[in-house]
Amino acid sequence: MKNKARKIIKRTGKEKFEDIRKWYRYQFFGNAKVSVYGERKIYNANIANISLSGIGLYSERSIGKGKKVKIRIIFIDKDGNVRENTATGKVDWQEKFKNIYLIGIFFDEELNVNNQPELMKHLTWLINTYKWPQPYKDQRIAVV
C-alpha cells in the first residue's frame, strides 16, 4: 500500500501504520481484463480486492502508473454463473514484487447498481452473507 492509503504514526520510536481509506476493501476472487485507452493491449490480471472506489490487481505485466483504463471485471456469482461488469479508472499506483505487479486502480466513479448491476448484486450478497462491514468507513448510510 502506498502512503495515500496509510498514515504513519510514530510513538515511542516505533512506526505504526493506519489505513485511512474511506472505503472498506473486500477480498474478491475474479479476473480482470484491463485495456489502456489509446493502446491495443489487453492486460490479464487477477483481482486481489475491491471496494466501491477501486480495485487491487495482480498482473504479470506492468500497466503503467497514471494510465486511464477500462476494466472488465469477471467473476462467478453465488449460483455458479460467470458474470461480468465494466468500470473505468486510472492506475493510481503500481509496484513490482518479484515477478508480479501489484496494481491499484482508482475508479472514475464509485461502483453503483446502474453501471455495475451484477457486481453490486454479488458484493451485496457477500457483505450480507459473511457479515462484512458496510462499504463506507466514514459512517455514511450504506447503499448495499
Protein backbone atom coordinates (compact mmCIF):
# COMPACT_ATOMS: atom_id res chain seq x y z
CA MET A 1 0.00 0.00 0.00
CA LYS A 2 1.15 3.49 -0.71
CA ASN A 3 1.24 6.48 1.62
CA LYS A 4 -2.03 7.78 0.14
CA ALA A 5 -3.76 4.85 1.80
CA ARG A 6 -1.77 4.82 5.01
CA LYS A 7 -0.86 7.26 7.67
CA ILE A 8 2.31 6.67 9.67
CA ILE A 9 2.01 7.24 13.40
CA LYS A 10 5.20 7.40 15.45
CA ARG A 11 5.03 6.58 19.13
CA THR A 12 7.94 5.77 21.38
CA GLY A 13 10.23 5.27 18.41
CA LYS A 14 8.01 2.69 16.70
CA GLU A 15 6.10 3.21 13.48
CA LYS A 16 2.50 2.12 13.24
CA PHE A 17 0.52 2.13 10.00
CA GLU A 18 -3.11 3.13 9.97
CA ASP A 19 -5.36 2.61 6.94
CA ILE A 20 -7.01 5.97 6.20
CA ARG A 21 -9.10 4.91 3.21
CA LYS A 22 -12.75 5.94 3.25
CA TRP A 23 -13.98 2.65 1.83
CA TYR A 24 -13.63 -0.93 3.05
CA ARG A 25 -11.75 -3.29 0.78
CA TYR A 26 -13.15 -6.76 0.27
CA GLN A 27 -11.27 -9.89 -0.72
CA PHE A 28 -12.65 -10.79 -4.12
CA PHE A 29 -12.00 -13.73 -6.42
CA GLY A 30 -12.15 -12.95 -10.08
CA ASN A 31 -10.32 -11.95 -13.20
CA ALA A 32 -9.87 -8.55 -14.78
CA LYS A 33 -9.18 -7.66 -18.39
CA VAL A 34 -7.62 -4.21 -18.42
CA SER A 35 -7.35 -2.11 -21.55
CA VAL A 36 -5.48 1.18 -21.67
CA TYR A 37 -7.08 3.99 -23.63
CA GLY A 38 -5.06 4.62 -26.80
CA GLU A 39 -3.35 1.22 -26.72
CA ARG A 40 -4.32 -2.07 -28.31
CA LYS A 41 -3.04 -4.30 -25.49
CA ILE A 42 -5.28 -6.12 -23.06
CA TYR A 43 -3.74 -6.98 -19.71
CA ASN A 44 -4.99 -10.07 -17.87
CA ALA A 45 -4.94 -9.74 -14.10
CA ASN A 46 -6.24 -11.47 -11.00
CA ILE A 47 -8.34 -9.47 -8.59
CA ALA A 48 -6.85 -9.14 -5.11
CA ASN A 49 -9.52 -6.92 -3.58
CA ILE A 50 -12.24 -4.45 -4.45
CA SER A 51 -14.05 -1.51 -2.90
CA LEU A 52 -16.69 0.83 -4.23
CA SER A 53 -13.90 3.24 -5.21
CA GLY A 54 -11.17 1.00 -6.61
CA ILE A 55 -9.67 -2.37 -7.29
CA GLY A 56 -6.40 -4.11 -6.44
CA LEU A 57 -4.92 -6.39 -9.08
CA TYR A 58 -2.07 -8.85 -9.60
CA SER A 59 -0.63 -8.70 -13.11
CA GLU A 60 2.31 -10.38 -14.81
CA ARG A 61 2.87 -7.23 -16.86
CA SER A 62 3.28 -3.59 -15.99
CA ILE A 63 0.34 -1.39 -16.98
CA GLY A 64 1.84 1.97 -16.02
CA LYS A 65 1.07 4.45 -13.28
CA GLY A 66 -1.28 7.25 -14.31
CA LYS A 67 -2.78 5.44 -17.30
CA LYS A 68 -6.51 5.74 -17.99
CA VAL A 69 -8.06 2.26 -18.17
CA LYS A 70 -11.24 0.30 -18.76
CA ILE A 71 -11.60 -2.82 -16.59
CA ARG A 72 -13.77 -5.84 -17.39
CA ILE A 73 -14.42 -7.45 -14.03
CA ILE A 74 -15.25 -11.15 -14.44
CA PHE A 75 -16.38 -13.30 -11.52
CA ILE A 76 -18.53 -16.29 -10.57
CA ASP A 77 -21.73 -15.42 -8.68
CA LYS A 78 -23.31 -17.35 -5.82
CA ASP A 79 -25.18 -19.58 -8.27
CA GLY A 80 -22.04 -20.56 -10.18
CA ASN A 81 -22.71 -18.32 -13.18
CA VAL A 82 -19.95 -16.29 -14.82
CA ARG A 83 -20.80 -12.58 -14.58
CA GLU A 84 -19.13 -9.50 -15.97
CA ASN A 85 -19.33 -5.75 -15.50
CA THR A 86 -17.05 -2.92 -16.56
CA ALA A 87 -15.67 0.16 -14.88
CA THR A 88 -13.23 2.89 -15.87
CA GLY A 89 -10.46 4.41 -13.85
CA LYS A 90 -6.85 5.40 -13.53
CA VAL A 91 -3.84 3.39 -12.36
CA ASP A 92 -3.11 5.07 -9.03
CA TRP A 93 -0.05 3.04 -8.12
CA GLN A 94 1.97 0.09 -9.26
CA GLU A 95 4.71 -1.87 -7.52
CA LYS A 96 6.76 -4.82 -8.70
CA PHE A 97 7.02 -7.71 -6.25
CA LYS A 98 9.31 -10.46 -7.52
CA ASN A 99 7.77 -11.49 -10.87
CA ILE A 100 4.36 -9.86 -10.41
CA TYR A 101 2.98 -6.35 -10.40
CA LEU A 102 0.68 -5.18 -7.64
CA ILE A 103 -1.60 -2.54 -9.13
CA GLY A 104 -4.13 -0.19 -7.58
CA ILE A 105 -6.78 1.37 -9.81
CA PHE A 106 -9.00 4.19 -8.61
CA PHE A 107 -12.39 4.16 -10.35
CA ASP A 108 -13.66 7.28 -12.14
CA GLU A 109 -16.88 6.94 -10.15
CA GLU A 110 -17.98 4.66 -7.33
CA LEU A 111 -19.45 1.32 -8.28
CA ASN A 112 -23.24 1.51 -8.40
CA VAL A 113 -26.30 -0.57 -9.30
CA ASN A 114 -26.95 1.36 -12.51
CA ASN A 115 -23.50 0.87 -14.05
CA GLN A 116 -22.41 -2.43 -12.45
CA PRO A 117 -25.64 -4.27 -11.54
CA GLU A 118 -24.21 -7.82 -11.44
CA LEU A 119 -21.14 -6.81 -9.45
CA MET A 120 -23.18 -4.79 -6.93
CA LYS A 121 -25.63 -7.66 -6.50
CA HIS A 122 -22.74 -10.04 -5.81
CA LEU A 123 -20.96 -7.63 -3.43
CA THR A 124 -24.22 -7.09 -1.55
CA TRP A 125 -24.67 -10.84 -1.22
CA LEU A 126 -21.07 -11.27 0.02
CA ILE A 127 -21.39 -8.44 2.56
CA ASN A 128 -24.69 -9.74 3.93
CA THR A 129 -23.76 -13.43 3.88
CA TYR A 130 -20.39 -13.07 5.57
CA LYS A 131 -21.41 -10.11 7.74
CA TRP A 132 -18.61 -7.98 6.32
CA PRO A 133 -18.57 -4.28 7.22
CA GLN A 134 -20.67 -1.92 5.16
CA PRO A 135 -18.66 -0.21 2.40
CA TYR A 136 -18.14 3.23 3.94
CA LYS A 137 -15.78 3.70 6.87
CA ASP A 138 -16.98 7.27 7.46
CA GLN A 139 -20.41 6.06 8.64
CA ARG A 140 -22.40 7.22 5.61
CA ILE A 141 -25.63 5.38 5.07
CA ALA A 142 -24.81 2.12 3.38
CA VAL A 143 -26.04 1.58 -0.14
CA VAL A 144 -25.88 -2.19 -0.12
